[in-house]
Amino acid sequence: MKRLVKQLCLSLSILTLMPLYAGAANDGDDNNSEQFDWNPVMEAIILVESEGNPRAVSGNQVGVMQITPILVRECNNILKSRGSKKRYTLQDRYDVEKSKEMFLLIQSQHNKTNDVEKAIRTWNGGPKYSTRATDRYYKKVLRRMK
């Protein structure tokens, strides 16, 4: 009888704690890139890309993070797929905060593990980047982070 009571108490304890554990696991996974501090990476990319000049232009790349029209379109596609009504414009590339938002959105979609190397290389070479082609850029950004 004592054994049955112990098993029942243990079972009830486990069942009581399971929702708490499941909630903690979901919170970490759903907002992973929101909780990760991307500021050092973004600031280094800004220095490499434009030396912090929000009016910088190089071909079709503009703003502090040198954002292309293709990246704006990708951000809008991500937002649409998530059911958001928010959309970015080409003019938003000149806005430092909106540029950072786009960076974070790209990371949340293409870098769910918050890998800093992948973030830097993806920013330079896109989601299907070549390590060899992005190596020089990656090293430049790392130097700016230190």
C-alpha atoms as a PDB file:
ATOM      1  CA  MET A   1       0.000   0.000   0.000  1.00  0.00           C
ATOM      2  CA  LYS A   2       2.840   2.398   0.866  1.00  0.00           C
ATOM      3  CA  ARG A   3       4.440   1.691  -2.478  1.00  0.00           C
ATOM      4  CA  LEU A   4       1.206   2.474  -4.322  1.00  0.00           C
ATOM      5  CA  VAL A   5       0.835   5.782  -2.444  1.00  0.00           C
ATOM      6  CA  LYS A   6       4.443   6.720  -3.287  1.00  0.00           C
ATOM      7  CA  GLN A   7       3.909   5.936  -6.967  1.00  0.00           C
ATOM      8  CA  LEU A   8       0.705   7.940  -7.010  1.00  0.00           C
ATOM      9  CA  CYS A   9       2.398  10.945  -5.380  1.00  0.00           C
ATOM     10  CA  LEU A  10       5.317  10.733  -7.800  1.00  0.00           C
ATOM     11  CA  SER A  11       2.969  10.511 -10.779  1.00  0.00           C
ATOM     12  CA  LEU A  12       0.956  13.517  -9.580  1.00  0.00           C
ATOM     13  CA  SER A  13       4.154  15.514  -9.046  1.00  0.00           C
ATOM     14  CA  ILE A  14       5.378  14.740 -12.546  1.00  0.00           C
ATOM     15  CA  LEU A  15       2.028  15.595 -14.094  1.00  0.00           C
ATOM     16  CA  THR A  16       1.915  18.861 -12.162  1.00  0.00           C
ATOM     17  CA  LEU A  17       5.409  19.952 -13.258  1.00  0.00           C
ATOM     18  CA  MET A  18       5.181  18.874 -16.926  1.00  0.00           C
ATOM     19  CA  PRO A  19       3.260  21.967 -18.130  1.00  0.00           C
ATOM     20  CA  LEU A  20       5.858  24.234 -16.478  1.00  0.00           C
ATOM     21  CA  TYR A  21       8.708  22.407 -18.172  1.00  0.00           C
ATOM     22  CA  ALA A  22       6.968  22.410 -21.556  1.00  0.00           C
ATOM     23  CA  GLY A  23       6.269  26.142 -21.293  1.00  0.00           C
ATOM     24  CA  ALA A  24       9.891  26.904 -20.479  1.00  0.00           C
ATOM     25  CA  ALA A  25      11.080  24.866 -23.453  1.00  0.00           C
ATOM     26  CA  ASN A  26       8.696  26.635 -25.839  1.00  0.00           C
ATOM     27  CA  ASP A  27       9.621  30.111 -24.611  1.00  0.00           C
ATOM     28  CA  GLY A  28      13.270  29.491 -25.392  1.00  0.00           C
ATOM     29  CA  ASP A  29      12.631  28.091 -28.857  1.00  0.00           C
ATOM     30  CA  ASP A  30      10.028  30.550 -30.105  1.00  0.00           C
ATOM     31  CA  ASN A  31      11.913  33.728 -29.240  1.00  0.00           C
ATOM     32  CA  ASN A  32      15.436  32.437 -29.646  1.00  0.00           C
ATOM     33  CA  SER A  33      16.797  35.228 -31.859  1.00  0.00           C
ATOM     34  CA  GLU A  34      14.881  37.885 -29.915  1.00  0.00           C
ATOM     35  CA  GLN A  35      16.683  36.843 -26.727  1.00  0.00           C
ATOM     36  CA  PHE A  36      20.114  36.594 -28.353  1.00  0.00           C
ATOM     37  CA  ASP A  37      22.152  39.820 -28.251  1.00  0.00           C
ATOM     38  CA  TRP A  38      22.908  40.561 -31.890  1.00  0.00           C
ATOM     39  CA  ASN A  39      24.073  44.130 -31.162  1.00  0.00           C
ATOM     40  CA  PRO A  40      27.843  43.441 -31.318  1.00  0.00           C
ATOM     41  CA  VAL A  41      27.409  41.671 -34.666  1.00  0.00           C
ATOM     42  CA  MET A  42      25.135  44.370 -36.091  1.00  0.00           C
ATOM     43  CA  GLU A  43      27.441  47.165 -34.959  1.00  0.00           C
ATOM     44  CA  ALA A  44      30.460  45.433 -36.521  1.00  0.00           C
ATOM     45  CA  ILE A  45      28.561  44.882 -39.782  1.00  0.00           C
ATOM     46  CA  ILE A  46      27.545  48.558 -39.783  1.00  0.00           C
ATOM     47  CA  LEU A  47      31.183  49.604 -39.414  1.00  0.00           C
ATOM     48  CA  VAL A  48      32.322  47.285 -42.206  1.00  0.00           C
ATOM     49  CA  GLU A  49      29.468  48.147 -44.560  1.00  0.00           C
ATOM     50  CA  SER A  50      29.176  51.929 -44.188  1.00  0.00           C
ATOM     51  CA  GLU A  51      31.308  53.197 -41.294  1.00  0.00           C
ATOM     52  CA  GLY A  52      27.960  54.063 -39.704  1.00  0.00           C
ATOM     53  CA  ASN A  53      26.716  56.340 -42.506  1.00  0.00           C
ATOM     54  CA  PRO A  54      22.920  55.894 -42.892  1.00  0.00           C
ATOM     55  CA  ARG A  55      23.076  57.666 -46.298  1.00  0.00           C
ATOM     56  CA  ALA A  56      25.758  55.354 -47.734  1.00  0.00           C
ATOM     57  CA  VAL A  57      25.055  54.095 -51.253  1.00  0.00           C
ATOM     58  CA  SER A  58      26.944  51.513 -53.273  1.00  0.00           C
ATOM     59  CA  GLY A  59      25.073  50.410 -56.375  1.00  0.00           C
ATOM     60  CA  ASN A  60      21.712  49.030 -55.238  1.00  0.00           C
ATOM     61  CA  GLN A  61      22.932  48.626 -51.638  1.00  0.00           C
ATOM     62  CA  VAL A  62      22.056  51.485 -49.305  1.00  0.00           C
ATOM     63  CA  GLY A  63      22.032  52.504 -45.645  1.00  0.00           C
ATOM     64  CA  VAL A  64      24.210  51.585 -42.702  1.00  0.00           C
ATOM     65  CA  MET A  65      23.893  47.867 -43.390  1.00  0.00           C
ATOM     66  CA  GLN A  66      23.987  48.183 -47.205  1.00  0.00           C
ATOM     67  CA  ILE A  67      20.623  46.501 -47.743  1.00  0.00           C
ATOM     68  CA  THR A  68      19.574  45.434 -51.242  1.00  0.00           C
ATOM     69  CA  PRO A  69      16.052  45.421 -52.715  1.00  0.00           C
ATOM     70  CA  ILE A  70      16.218  41.597 -52.732  1.00  0.00           C
ATOM     71  CA  LEU A  71      16.719  41.544 -48.943  1.00  0.00           C
ATOM     72  CA  VAL A  72      13.743  43.885 -48.448  1.00  0.00           C
ATOM     73  CA  ARG A  73      11.636  41.548 -50.588  1.00  0.00           C
ATOM     74  CA  GLU A  74      12.836  38.532 -48.569  1.00  0.00           C
ATOM     75  CA  CYS A  75      11.907  40.285 -45.307  1.00  0.00           C
ATOM     76  CA  ASN A  76       8.450  41.053 -46.665  1.00  0.00           C
ATOM     77  CA  ASN A  77       8.018  37.437 -47.774  1.00  0.00           C
ATOM     78  CA  ILE A  78       8.952  36.250 -44.274  1.00  0.00           C
ATOM     79  CA  LEU A  79       6.488  38.686 -42.705  1.00  0.00           C
ATOM     80  CA  LYS A  80       3.749  37.591 -45.109  1.00  0.00           C
ATOM     81  CA  SER A  81       4.375  33.902 -44.376  1.00  0.00           C
ATOM     82  CA  ARG A  82       4.063  34.645 -40.664  1.00  0.00           C
ATOM     83  CA  GLY A  83       0.741  36.369 -41.159  1.00  0.00           C
ATOM     84  CA  SER A  84       2.047  39.843 -40.334  1.00  0.00           C
ATOM     85  CA  LYS A  85       0.636  42.899 -42.046  1.00  0.00           C
ATOM     86  CA  LYS A  86       3.899  44.797 -41.555  1.00  0.00           C
ATOM     87  CA  ARG A  87       5.984  45.437 -44.685  1.00  0.00           C
ATOM     88  CA  TYR A  88       9.299  47.187 -45.326  1.00  0.00           C
ATOM     89  CA  THR A  89       9.876  49.695 -48.120  1.00  0.00           C
ATOM     90  CA  LEU A  90      13.047  50.439 -50.048  1.00  0.00           C
ATOM     91  CA  GLN A  91      13.198  53.755 -48.174  1.00  0.00           C
ATOM     92  CA  ASP A  92      13.374  51.847 -44.849  1.00  0.00           C
ATOM     93  CA  ARG A  93      16.918  50.810 -45.766  1.00  0.00           C
ATOM     94  CA  TYR A  94      18.061  54.333 -44.809  1.00  0.00           C
ATOM     95  CA  ASP A  95      16.574  53.978 -41.303  1.00  0.00           C
ATOM     96  CA  VAL A  96      19.100  52.476 -38.864  1.00  0.00           C
ATOM     97  CA  GLU A  97      16.486  50.886 -36.600  1.00  0.00           C
ATOM     98  CA  LYS A  98      14.499  49.381 -39.456  1.00  0.00           C
ATOM     99  CA  SER A  99      17.735  48.061 -40.978  1.00  0.00           C
ATOM    100  CA  LYS A 100      18.494  46.321 -37.690  1.00  0.00           C
ATOM    101  CA  GLU A 101      14.943  44.939 -37.606  1.00  0.00           C
ATOM    102  CA  MET A 102      15.479  43.461 -41.063  1.00  0.00           C
ATOM    103  CA  PHE A 103      18.752  41.893 -39.919  1.00  0.00           C
ATOM    104  CA  LEU A 104      16.988  40.314 -36.931  1.00  0.00           C
ATOM    105  CA  LEU A 105      14.145  39.081 -39.128  1.00  0.00           C
ATOM    106  CA  ILE A 106      16.591  37.418 -41.523  1.00  0.00           C
ATOM    107  CA  GLN A 107      18.379  35.767 -38.588  1.00  0.00           C
ATOM    108  CA  SER A 108      15.110  34.502 -37.121  1.00  0.00           C
ATOM    109  CA  GLN A 109      14.292  32.833 -40.436  1.00  0.00           C
ATOM    110  CA  HIS A 110      17.655  31.604 -41.711  1.00  0.00           C
ATOM    111  CA  ASN A 111      19.737  31.242 -38.528  1.00  0.00           C
ATOM    112  CA  LYS A 112      17.561  29.681 -35.853  1.00  0.00           C
ATOM    113  CA  THR A 113      20.634  28.461 -33.918  1.00  0.00           C
ATOM    114  CA  ASN A 114      21.985  32.025 -33.561  1.00  0.00           C
ATOM    115  CA  ASP A 115      25.343  31.050 -35.031  1.00  0.00           C
ATOM    116  CA  VAL A 116      27.395  34.259 -35.283  1.00  0.00           C
ATOM    117  CA  GLU A 117      29.541  32.971 -38.146  1.00  0.00           C
ATOM    118  CA  LYS A 118      26.466  31.927 -40.098  1.00  0.00           C
ATOM    119  CA  ALA A 119      24.861  35.331 -39.408  1.00  0.00           C
ATOM    120  CA  ILE A 120      27.835  37.222 -40.814  1.00  0.00           C
ATOM    121  CA  ARG A 121      28.289  34.982 -43.835  1.00  0.00           C
ATOM    122  CA  THR A 122      24.539  34.976 -44.579  1.00  0.00           C
ATOM    123  CA  TRP A 123      24.446  38.766 -44.425  1.00  0.00           C
ATOM    124  CA  ASN A 124      27.197  38.927 -47.018  1.00  0.00           C
ATOM    125  CA  GLY A 125      26.410  35.960 -49.242  1.00  0.00           C
ATOM    126  CA  GLY A 126      22.754  35.134 -48.663  1.00  0.00           C
ATOM    127  CA  PRO A 127      21.260  31.977 -47.130  1.00  0.00           C
ATOM    128  CA  LYS A 128      23.158  29.722 -49.552  1.00  0.00           C
ATOM    129  CA  TYR A 129      26.505  31.492 -49.070  1.00  0.00           C
ATOM    130  CA  SER A 130      29.864  30.077 -50.072  1.00  0.00           C
ATOM    131  CA  THR A 131      32.356  29.919 -47.206  1.00  0.00           C
ATOM    132  CA  ARG A 132      35.193  30.723 -49.566  1.00  0.00           C
ATOM    133  CA  ALA A 133      33.402  33.696 -51.109  1.00  0.00           C
ATOM    134  CA  THR A 134      32.436  35.187 -47.725  1.00  0.00           C
ATOM    135  CA  ASP A 135      35.699  34.496 -45.892  1.00  0.00           C
ATOM    136  CA  ARG A 136      37.266  37.943 -46.325  1.00  0.00           C
ATOM    137  CA  TYR A 137      34.048  39.682 -45.230  1.00  0.00           C
ATOM    138  CA  TYR A 138      33.681  37.353 -42.234  1.00  0.00           C
ATOM    139  CA  LYS A 139      37.214  38.166 -41.052  1.00  0.00           C
ATOM    140  CA  LYS A 140      36.625  41.924 -41.471  1.00  0.00           C
ATOM    141  CA  VAL A 141      33.489  41.803 -39.330  1.00  0.00           C
ATOM    142  CA  LEU A 142      35.233  39.712 -36.666  1.00  0.00           C
ATOM    143  CA  ARG A 143      38.044  42.283 -36.456  1.00  0.00           C
ATOM    144  CA  ARG A 144      35.455  45.038 -35.904  1.00  0.00           C
ATOM    145  CA  MET A 145      33.780  43.023 -33.147  1.00  0.00           C
ATOM    146  CA  LYS A 146      36.957  42.922 -31.038  1.00  0.00           C
END
